[in-house]
Amino acid sequence: MKNTFLRWRTASALRKNKSLRASTPYKRSNLVGIIFSVEDRQKHDDIKEFIRQLEQDGKQVKVLEFLPKKKENYEFLFDFFTIQDLNFWGNIDNEQARKFAETPFDYLFYIDQEPNPLVLYLLAQSRAHCRVGRYGDGLEPFFELMISGQGTPKGLIDNMYKYTKQLR
């Protein structure tokens, strides 16, 4: 039942969200967000390396992770939310997730190979100017820039970085 309400809320958030969407030239962007689902230690290390890369470019980076059941929260470096934060009515009751969705990021990177319904709900609510994610059928309303490709999270991160750096 929760998932049905979550799908309805996601569709509603997509319709109602009137945030300004535009791709800021990468060099002029300041605030960058990263959202992802915890999978394994390698993905965690790849995300940390991506953060260092963005910070070396002079970007302020905020990160939010979805922590699935029975997964380890490596190093407790990032704000996170869990399935426990999803209430009966399909709302996510987590202050960090709410603040993250309301932040007007210049770029918001979603680094998952497979779409996560809870993260998609936050993307639908997001005030980010340019949401960047992996290409998938039916995911077009969630992103302004979609990166095609199979492979590892590291490959996805590298392609996201490569193409956003080229935006002028």
N, C-alpha and C. Protein backbone atom coordinates (compact mmCIF):
# COMPACT_ATOMS: atom_id res chain seq x y z
N MET A 1 0.82 -1.19 0.00
CA MET A 1 0.00 0.00 0.00
C MET A 1 0.87 1.27 0.00
N LYS A 2 1.96 1.23 0.81
CA LYS A 2 2.86 2.37 0.86
C LYS A 2 3.41 2.70 -0.53
N ASN A 3 3.76 1.63 -1.28
CA ASN A 3 4.35 1.85 -2.61
C ASN A 3 3.36 2.47 -3.57
N THR A 4 2.09 2.13 -3.45
CA THR A 4 1.07 2.73 -4.31
C THR A 4 0.97 4.22 -4.01
N PHE A 5 0.90 4.57 -2.74
CA PHE A 5 0.85 5.98 -2.36
C PHE A 5 2.12 6.71 -2.80
N LEU A 6 3.26 6.03 -2.68
CA LEU A 6 4.53 6.62 -3.10
C LEU A 6 4.51 6.94 -4.60
N ARG A 7 4.02 6.01 -5.43
CA ARG A 7 3.92 6.26 -6.88
C ARG A 7 3.01 7.44 -7.17
N TRP A 8 1.88 7.52 -6.47
CA TRP A 8 0.95 8.65 -6.67
C TRP A 8 1.62 9.96 -6.27
N ARG A 9 2.29 9.95 -5.14
CA ARG A 9 2.95 11.18 -4.68
C ARG A 9 4.07 11.59 -5.64
N THR A 10 4.79 10.62 -6.18
CA THR A 10 5.86 10.93 -7.13
C THR A 10 5.28 11.57 -8.38
N ALA A 11 4.22 10.98 -8.94
CA ALA A 11 3.59 11.54 -10.13
C ALA A 11 3.04 12.94 -9.86
N SER A 12 2.46 13.13 -8.71
CA SER A 12 1.94 14.44 -8.32
C SER A 12 3.06 15.47 -8.17
N ALA A 13 4.16 15.06 -7.55
CA ALA A 13 5.30 15.97 -7.37
C ALA A 13 5.88 16.38 -8.71
N LEU A 14 5.94 15.45 -9.66
CA LEU A 14 6.44 15.79 -11.00
C LEU A 14 5.55 16.84 -11.66
N ARG A 15 4.24 16.69 -11.52
CA ARG A 15 3.30 17.65 -12.14
C ARG A 15 3.37 19.02 -11.47
N LYS A 16 3.46 19.02 -10.16
CA LYS A 16 3.36 20.28 -9.40
C LYS A 16 4.67 21.05 -9.29
N ASN A 17 5.79 20.41 -9.47
CA ASN A 17 7.08 21.06 -9.28
C ASN A 17 7.36 22.01 -10.45
N LYS A 18 7.34 23.27 -10.18
CA LYS A 18 7.55 24.29 -11.21
C LYS A 18 8.92 24.96 -11.08
N SER A 19 9.89 24.23 -10.55
CA SER A 19 11.24 24.79 -10.39
C SER A 19 11.85 25.13 -11.74
N LEU A 20 12.64 26.20 -11.74
CA LEU A 20 13.35 26.60 -12.95
C LEU A 20 14.39 25.54 -13.28
N ARG A 21 14.30 24.99 -14.49
CA ARG A 21 15.25 23.97 -14.92
C ARG A 21 16.11 24.56 -16.03
N ALA A 22 17.39 24.53 -15.84
CA ALA A 22 18.34 25.03 -16.84
C ALA A 22 19.71 24.49 -16.49
N SER A 23 20.54 24.33 -17.49
CA SER A 23 21.89 23.87 -17.20
C SER A 23 22.82 25.07 -17.12
N THR A 24 23.29 25.33 -15.94
CA THR A 24 24.27 26.37 -15.69
C THR A 24 25.59 25.91 -16.29
N PRO A 25 26.34 26.79 -16.94
CA PRO A 25 27.68 26.36 -17.39
C PRO A 25 28.46 25.80 -16.20
N TYR A 26 29.12 24.69 -16.42
CA TYR A 26 29.80 23.99 -15.33
C TYR A 26 30.74 24.91 -14.57
N LYS A 27 31.49 25.74 -15.29
CA LYS A 27 32.47 26.60 -14.63
C LYS A 27 31.81 27.62 -13.69
N ARG A 28 30.57 28.01 -13.98
CA ARG A 28 29.86 28.99 -13.14
C ARG A 28 29.03 28.34 -12.04
N SER A 29 28.91 27.03 -12.08
CA SER A 29 28.11 26.36 -11.05
C SER A 29 28.86 26.34 -9.72
N ASN A 30 28.10 26.39 -8.63
CA ASN A 30 28.71 26.39 -7.30
C ASN A 30 28.26 25.22 -6.44
N LEU A 31 26.95 24.99 -6.41
CA LEU A 31 26.37 24.02 -5.49
C LEU A 31 25.97 22.75 -6.24
N VAL A 32 26.53 21.62 -5.81
CA VAL A 32 26.29 20.34 -6.47
C VAL A 32 25.78 19.35 -5.44
N GLY A 33 24.78 18.57 -5.83
CA GLY A 33 24.25 17.52 -4.97
C GLY A 33 24.51 16.15 -5.57
N ILE A 34 24.67 15.17 -4.71
CA ILE A 34 24.83 13.78 -5.13
C ILE A 34 23.87 12.96 -4.29
N ILE A 35 23.09 12.13 -4.96
CA ILE A 35 22.18 11.22 -4.26
C ILE A 35 22.39 9.83 -4.84
N PHE A 36 22.39 8.83 -3.97
CA PHE A 36 22.62 7.46 -4.42
C PHE A 36 22.11 6.47 -3.39
N SER A 37 22.00 5.21 -3.82
CA SER A 37 21.64 4.11 -2.92
C SER A 37 22.92 3.37 -2.56
N VAL A 38 23.05 3.03 -1.28
CA VAL A 38 24.22 2.29 -0.81
C VAL A 38 24.18 0.88 -1.40
N GLU A 39 25.30 0.46 -1.96
CA GLU A 39 25.40 -0.90 -2.51
C GLU A 39 26.58 -1.65 -1.88
N ASP A 40 27.79 -1.14 -2.14
CA ASP A 40 28.98 -1.82 -1.64
C ASP A 40 30.09 -0.80 -1.38
N ARG A 41 31.19 -1.29 -0.85
CA ARG A 41 32.31 -0.43 -0.49
C ARG A 41 32.92 0.26 -1.71
N GLN A 42 32.98 -0.43 -2.84
CA GLN A 42 33.57 0.14 -4.05
C GLN A 42 32.78 1.36 -4.52
N LYS A 43 31.46 1.26 -4.52
CA LYS A 43 30.63 2.40 -4.93
C LYS A 43 30.84 3.58 -3.97
N HIS A 44 30.91 3.28 -2.69
CA HIS A 44 31.16 4.31 -1.68
C HIS A 44 32.48 5.04 -1.96
N ASP A 45 33.52 4.28 -2.26
CA ASP A 45 34.83 4.87 -2.55
C ASP A 45 34.79 5.68 -3.85
N ASP A 46 34.05 5.19 -4.85
CA ASP A 46 33.91 5.93 -6.12
C ASP A 46 33.21 7.27 -5.90
N ILE A 47 32.21 7.28 -5.04
CA ILE A 47 31.48 8.53 -4.73
C ILE A 47 32.42 9.51 -4.00
N LYS A 48 33.20 9.00 -3.05
CA LYS A 48 34.14 9.87 -2.33
C LYS A 48 35.15 10.49 -3.29
N GLU A 49 35.62 9.71 -4.25
CA GLU A 49 36.57 10.23 -5.24
C GLU A 49 35.90 11.30 -6.11
N PHE A 50 34.64 11.08 -6.48
CA PHE A 50 33.88 12.05 -7.27
C PHE A 50 33.71 13.37 -6.49
N ILE A 51 33.43 13.26 -5.22
CA ILE A 51 33.29 14.44 -4.36
C ILE A 51 34.60 15.23 -4.35
N ARG A 52 35.72 14.54 -4.17
CA ARG A 52 37.03 15.22 -4.17
C ARG A 52 37.27 15.94 -5.50
N GLN A 53 36.90 15.28 -6.59
CA GLN A 53 37.06 15.87 -7.93
C GLN A 53 36.23 17.15 -8.05
N LEU A 54 34.99 17.10 -7.60
CA LEU A 54 34.12 18.28 -7.68
C LEU A 54 34.63 19.40 -6.78
N GLU A 55 35.09 19.04 -5.58
CA GLU A 55 35.62 20.05 -4.65
C GLU A 55 36.89 20.69 -5.20
N GLN A 56 37.73 19.92 -5.91
CA GLN A 56 38.92 20.49 -6.53
C GLN A 56 38.54 21.49 -7.62
N ASP A 57 37.35 21.29 -8.22
CA ASP A 57 36.84 22.25 -9.22
C ASP A 57 36.19 23.46 -8.57
N GLY A 58 36.21 23.52 -7.25
CA GLY A 58 35.65 24.66 -6.54
C GLY A 58 34.16 24.56 -6.25
N LYS A 59 33.60 23.36 -6.28
CA LYS A 59 32.17 23.17 -6.04
C LYS A 59 31.93 22.82 -4.58
N GLN A 60 30.80 23.32 -4.07
CA GLN A 60 30.33 22.92 -2.74
C GLN A 60 29.44 21.70 -2.97
N VAL A 61 29.71 20.60 -2.29
CA VAL A 61 29.01 19.35 -2.55
C VAL A 61 28.23 18.89 -1.31
N LYS A 62 26.96 18.53 -1.53
CA LYS A 62 26.13 17.93 -0.49
C LYS A 62 25.71 16.56 -0.98
N VAL A 63 25.68 15.60 -0.05
CA VAL A 63 25.40 14.21 -0.42
C VAL A 63 24.29 13.65 0.46
N LEU A 64 23.42 12.87 -0.17
CA LEU A 64 22.37 12.14 0.54
C LEU A 64 22.36 10.72 0.00
N GLU A 65 22.31 9.75 0.93
CA GLU A 65 22.28 8.36 0.50
C GLU A 65 21.03 7.67 1.02
N PHE A 66 20.54 6.72 0.21
CA PHE A 66 19.48 5.84 0.66
C PHE A 66 20.15 4.58 1.18
N LEU A 67 19.84 4.21 2.42
CA LEU A 67 20.46 3.05 3.06
C LEU A 67 19.45 1.91 3.12
N PRO A 68 19.57 0.92 2.22
CA PRO A 68 18.65 -0.23 2.25
C PRO A 68 18.88 -1.09 3.48
N LYS A 69 17.88 -1.91 3.78
CA LYS A 69 18.02 -2.85 4.90
C LYS A 69 19.20 -3.78 4.63
N LYS A 70 19.88 -4.13 5.70
CA LYS A 70 21.00 -5.07 5.67
C LYS A 70 22.19 -4.59 4.84
N LYS A 71 22.32 -3.29 4.66
CA LYS A 71 23.50 -2.73 4.00
C LYS A 71 24.25 -1.91 5.03
N GLU A 72 25.56 -1.88 4.89
CA GLU A 72 26.41 -1.15 5.83
C GLU A 72 26.53 0.31 5.42
N ASN A 73 26.45 1.21 6.38
CA ASN A 73 26.65 2.63 6.14
C ASN A 73 28.14 2.92 6.36
N TYR A 74 28.91 2.82 5.30
CA TYR A 74 30.36 2.96 5.38
C TYR A 74 30.76 4.34 5.88
N GLU A 75 31.50 4.36 6.94
CA GLU A 75 32.12 5.57 7.50
C GLU A 75 31.14 6.60 8.02
N PHE A 76 29.85 6.45 7.82
CA PHE A 76 28.84 7.41 8.26
C PHE A 76 29.19 8.83 7.84
N LEU A 77 29.67 9.00 6.61
CA LEU A 77 30.09 10.31 6.11
C LEU A 77 28.93 11.17 5.65
N PHE A 78 27.85 10.54 5.17
CA PHE A 78 26.80 11.29 4.49
C PHE A 78 25.48 11.20 5.23
N ASP A 79 24.64 12.24 5.02
CA ASP A 79 23.27 12.17 5.51
C ASP A 79 22.60 11.01 4.79
N PHE A 80 21.64 10.36 5.46
CA PHE A 80 20.98 9.23 4.82
C PHE A 80 19.52 9.14 5.25
N PHE A 81 18.77 8.37 4.48
CA PHE A 81 17.40 8.02 4.85
C PHE A 81 17.19 6.55 4.53
N THR A 82 16.17 5.96 5.14
CA THR A 82 15.91 4.52 4.97
C THR A 82 14.45 4.29 4.62
N ILE A 83 14.10 3.06 4.36
CA ILE A 83 12.72 2.69 4.08
C ILE A 83 11.83 2.97 5.29
N GLN A 84 12.43 2.98 6.48
CA GLN A 84 11.68 3.27 7.71
C GLN A 84 11.14 4.71 7.71
N ASP A 85 11.76 5.58 6.90
CA ASP A 85 11.32 6.97 6.82
C ASP A 85 10.11 7.16 5.91
N LEU A 86 9.70 6.10 5.21
CA LEU A 86 8.52 6.16 4.35
C LEU A 86 7.29 5.85 5.20
N ASN A 87 6.38 6.83 5.30
CA ASN A 87 5.19 6.58 6.11
C ASN A 87 4.09 5.91 5.28
N PHE A 88 3.00 5.58 5.91
CA PHE A 88 1.90 4.86 5.27
C PHE A 88 1.37 5.61 4.04
N TRP A 89 1.37 6.93 4.09
CA TRP A 89 0.79 7.74 3.02
C TRP A 89 1.77 8.04 1.89
N GLY A 90 2.94 7.43 1.92
CA GLY A 90 3.89 7.61 0.83
C GLY A 90 4.76 8.85 0.95
N ASN A 91 4.82 9.45 2.12
CA ASN A 91 5.70 10.59 2.37
C ASN A 91 6.99 10.10 3.02
N ILE A 92 8.07 10.79 2.74
CA ILE A 92 9.33 10.48 3.40
C ILE A 92 9.49 11.45 4.56
N ASP A 93 9.45 10.91 5.77
CA ASP A 93 9.56 11.71 6.99
C ASP A 93 11.00 11.71 7.48
N ASN A 94 11.83 12.51 6.82
CA ASN A 94 13.23 12.60 7.19
C ASN A 94 13.68 14.03 6.90
N GLU A 95 14.13 14.72 7.91
CA GLU A 95 14.48 16.14 7.78
C GLU A 95 15.62 16.37 6.77
N GLN A 96 16.64 15.51 6.80
CA GLN A 96 17.75 15.68 5.86
C GLN A 96 17.29 15.49 4.42
N ALA A 97 16.42 14.50 4.18
CA ALA A 97 15.91 14.26 2.83
C ALA A 97 15.06 15.44 2.36
N ARG A 98 14.24 15.98 3.24
CA ARG A 98 13.39 17.13 2.89
C ARG A 98 14.24 18.34 2.53
N LYS A 99 15.24 18.64 3.35
CA LYS A 99 16.13 19.78 3.08
C LYS A 99 16.90 19.58 1.78
N PHE A 100 17.33 18.35 1.54
CA PHE A 100 18.08 18.03 0.32
C PHE A 100 17.21 18.31 -0.91
N ALA A 101 15.97 17.86 -0.88
CA ALA A 101 15.06 18.07 -2.01
C ALA A 101 14.76 19.55 -2.24
N GLU A 102 14.77 20.34 -1.19
CA GLU A 102 14.46 21.77 -1.31
C GLU A 102 15.67 22.62 -1.72
N THR A 103 16.85 22.04 -1.72
CA THR A 103 18.06 22.79 -2.06
C THR A 103 18.14 23.05 -3.56
N PRO A 104 18.36 24.30 -3.98
CA PRO A 104 18.43 24.61 -5.42
C PRO A 104 19.83 24.35 -5.99
N PHE A 105 20.19 23.08 -6.12
CA PHE A 105 21.49 22.71 -6.66
C PHE A 105 21.63 23.19 -8.10
N ASP A 106 22.85 23.57 -8.49
CA ASP A 106 23.11 23.83 -9.91
C ASP A 106 23.06 22.51 -10.67
N TYR A 107 23.64 21.46 -10.06
CA TYR A 107 23.60 20.11 -10.63
C TYR A 107 23.28 19.13 -9.51
N LEU A 108 22.42 18.18 -9.81
CA LEU A 108 22.12 17.10 -8.88
C LEU A 108 22.37 15.79 -9.61
N PHE A 109 23.36 15.04 -9.14
CA PHE A 109 23.76 13.77 -9.75
C PHE A 109 23.09 12.61 -9.00
N TYR A 110 22.39 11.77 -9.75
CA TYR A 110 21.78 10.56 -9.19
C TYR A 110 22.59 9.38 -9.69
N ILE A 111 23.32 8.73 -8.77
CA ILE A 111 24.27 7.70 -9.16
C ILE A 111 23.77 6.32 -8.73
N ASP A 112 22.86 5.79 -9.52
CA ASP A 112 22.38 4.42 -9.35
C ASP A 112 22.22 3.79 -10.72
N GLN A 113 22.51 2.51 -10.80
CA GLN A 113 22.32 1.78 -12.06
C GLN A 113 20.84 1.49 -12.29
N GLU A 114 20.13 1.14 -11.23
CA GLU A 114 18.69 0.84 -11.30
C GLU A 114 17.94 1.88 -10.49
N PRO A 115 16.81 2.37 -11.03
CA PRO A 115 16.07 3.42 -10.31
C PRO A 115 15.48 2.93 -8.99
N ASN A 116 15.56 3.76 -7.99
CA ASN A 116 15.03 3.49 -6.66
C ASN A 116 13.79 4.37 -6.49
N PRO A 117 12.60 3.81 -6.23
CA PRO A 117 11.37 4.61 -6.13
C PRO A 117 11.43 5.73 -5.09
N LEU A 118 12.10 5.51 -3.98
CA LEU A 118 12.19 6.56 -2.96
C LEU A 118 13.07 7.71 -3.43
N VAL A 119 14.16 7.39 -4.11
CA VAL A 119 15.03 8.44 -4.63
C VAL A 119 14.32 9.18 -5.77
N LEU A 120 13.58 8.47 -6.59
CA LEU A 120 12.83 9.13 -7.67
C LEU A 120 11.82 10.12 -7.10
N TYR A 121 11.20 9.77 -5.98
CA TYR A 121 10.27 10.69 -5.32
C TYR A 121 11.00 11.98 -4.92
N LEU A 122 12.19 11.85 -4.36
CA LEU A 122 12.96 13.05 -3.99
C LEU A 122 13.39 13.83 -5.23
N LEU A 123 13.74 13.14 -6.30
CA LEU A 123 14.09 13.83 -7.55
C LEU A 123 12.89 14.60 -8.11
N ALA A 124 11.71 14.01 -7.98
CA ALA A 124 10.49 14.68 -8.45
C ALA A 124 10.23 15.95 -7.66
N GLN A 125 10.57 15.95 -6.39
CA GLN A 125 10.37 17.12 -5.53
C GLN A 125 11.52 18.13 -5.63
N SER A 126 12.62 17.72 -6.17
CA SER A 126 13.85 18.49 -6.14
C SER A 126 13.72 19.87 -6.79
N ARG A 127 14.41 20.83 -6.20
CA ARG A 127 14.48 22.20 -6.73
C ARG A 127 15.76 22.41 -7.54
N ALA A 128 16.49 21.32 -7.81
CA ALA A 128 17.75 21.41 -8.56
C ALA A 128 17.49 21.96 -9.96
N HIS A 129 18.42 22.75 -10.46
CA HIS A 129 18.29 23.33 -11.79
C HIS A 129 18.51 22.29 -12.88
N CYS A 130 19.48 21.39 -12.67
CA CYS A 130 19.79 20.37 -13.68
C CYS A 130 20.04 19.04 -12.96
N ARG A 131 19.11 18.11 -13.17
CA ARG A 131 19.23 16.78 -12.57
C ARG A 131 19.86 15.85 -13.60
N VAL A 132 20.90 15.15 -13.18
CA VAL A 132 21.67 14.29 -14.08
C VAL A 132 21.57 12.85 -13.58
N GLY A 133 21.21 11.94 -14.49
CA GLY A 133 21.08 10.54 -14.10
C GLY A 133 21.29 9.60 -15.26
N ARG A 134 21.27 8.32 -14.97
CA ARG A 134 21.44 7.29 -15.98
C ARG A 134 20.18 7.18 -16.81
N TYR A 135 20.35 6.99 -18.12
CA TYR A 135 19.21 6.86 -19.00
C TYR A 135 18.45 5.56 -18.71
N GLY A 136 17.12 5.68 -18.69
CA GLY A 136 16.24 4.53 -18.55
C GLY A 136 14.89 4.88 -19.12
N ASP A 137 14.23 3.92 -19.73
CA ASP A 137 12.90 4.17 -20.30
C ASP A 137 11.94 4.65 -19.21
N GLY A 138 11.23 5.73 -19.52
CA GLY A 138 10.25 6.27 -18.59
C GLY A 138 10.82 7.20 -17.54
N LEU A 139 12.13 7.41 -17.53
CA LEU A 139 12.74 8.27 -16.50
C LEU A 139 12.96 9.71 -16.99
N GLU A 140 12.58 10.00 -18.21
CA GLU A 140 12.82 11.33 -18.79
C GLU A 140 12.29 12.48 -17.93
N PRO A 141 11.11 12.37 -17.29
CA PRO A 141 10.62 13.50 -16.48
C PRO A 141 11.48 13.84 -15.26
N PHE A 142 12.35 12.92 -14.86
CA PHE A 142 13.14 13.12 -13.65
C PHE A 142 14.46 13.83 -13.90
N PHE A 143 14.89 13.93 -15.16
CA PHE A 143 16.23 14.43 -15.46
C PHE A 143 16.23 15.44 -16.59
N GLU A 144 17.16 16.37 -16.51
CA GLU A 144 17.41 17.30 -17.61
C GLU A 144 18.55 16.77 -18.49
N LEU A 145 19.43 15.97 -17.91
CA LEU A 145 20.54 15.37 -18.65
C LEU A 145 20.61 13.90 -18.26
N MET A 146 20.49 13.03 -19.28
CA MET A 146 20.54 11.60 -19.03
C MET A 146 21.76 11.01 -19.73
N ILE A 147 22.47 10.17 -19.00
CA ILE A 147 23.70 9.56 -19.49
C ILE A 147 23.41 8.10 -19.79
N SER A 148 23.70 7.69 -21.00
CA SER A 148 23.47 6.32 -21.41
C SER A 148 24.69 5.50 -21.05
N GLY A 149 24.48 4.22 -20.83
CA GLY A 149 25.63 3.36 -20.60
C GLY A 149 25.38 2.29 -19.59
N GLN A 150 26.05 1.22 -19.78
CA GLN A 150 26.00 0.08 -18.85
C GLN A 150 27.34 0.07 -18.11
N GLY A 151 27.44 -0.82 -17.17
CA GLY A 151 28.73 -0.96 -16.51
C GLY A 151 28.68 -0.61 -15.05
N THR A 152 29.78 -0.10 -14.57
CA THR A 152 29.97 0.13 -13.14
C THR A 152 29.52 1.53 -12.75
N PRO A 153 29.28 1.73 -11.45
CA PRO A 153 29.00 3.10 -10.98
C PRO A 153 30.14 4.06 -11.33
N LYS A 154 31.38 3.58 -11.29
CA LYS A 154 32.54 4.42 -11.63
C LYS A 154 32.43 4.90 -13.08
N GLY A 155 32.04 4.03 -13.99
CA GLY A 155 31.86 4.41 -15.40
C GLY A 155 30.77 5.45 -15.55
N LEU A 156 29.67 5.29 -14.81
CA LEU A 156 28.57 6.25 -14.84
C LEU A 156 29.05 7.61 -14.31
N ILE A 157 29.75 7.60 -13.20
CA ILE A 157 30.28 8.84 -12.61
C ILE A 157 31.21 9.54 -13.60
N ASP A 158 32.12 8.78 -14.20
CA ASP A 158 33.06 9.37 -15.16
C ASP A 158 32.33 10.03 -16.33
N ASN A 159 31.30 9.36 -16.86
CA ASN A 159 30.54 9.93 -17.97
C ASN A 159 29.76 11.17 -17.54
N MET A 160 29.17 11.14 -16.35
CA MET A 160 28.44 12.30 -15.85
C MET A 160 29.38 13.51 -15.74
N TYR A 161 30.53 13.27 -15.16
CA TYR A 161 31.51 14.35 -14.98
C TYR A 161 31.97 14.89 -16.34
N LYS A 162 32.27 13.99 -17.24
CA LYS A 162 32.76 14.37 -18.58
C LYS A 162 31.75 15.26 -19.30
N TYR A 163 30.49 14.84 -19.30
CA TYR A 163 29.48 15.59 -20.08
C TYR A 163 29.05 16.89 -19.39
N THR A 164 28.97 16.91 -18.07
CA THR A 164 28.59 18.17 -17.41
C THR A 164 29.70 19.20 -17.52
N LYS A 165 30.95 18.74 -17.50
CA LYS A 165 32.07 19.69 -17.65
C LYS A 165 32.04 20.37 -19.01
N GLN A 166 31.44 19.73 -20.01
CA GLN A 166 31.38 20.29 -21.35
C GLN A 166 30.27 21.30 -21.53
N LEU A 167 29.36 21.40 -20.55
CA LEU A 167 28.24 22.35 -20.67
C LEU A 167 28.77 23.78 -20.53
N ARG A 168 28.40 24.61 -21.48
CA ARG A 168 28.86 26.01 -21.48
C ARG A 168 27.68 26.94 -21.49
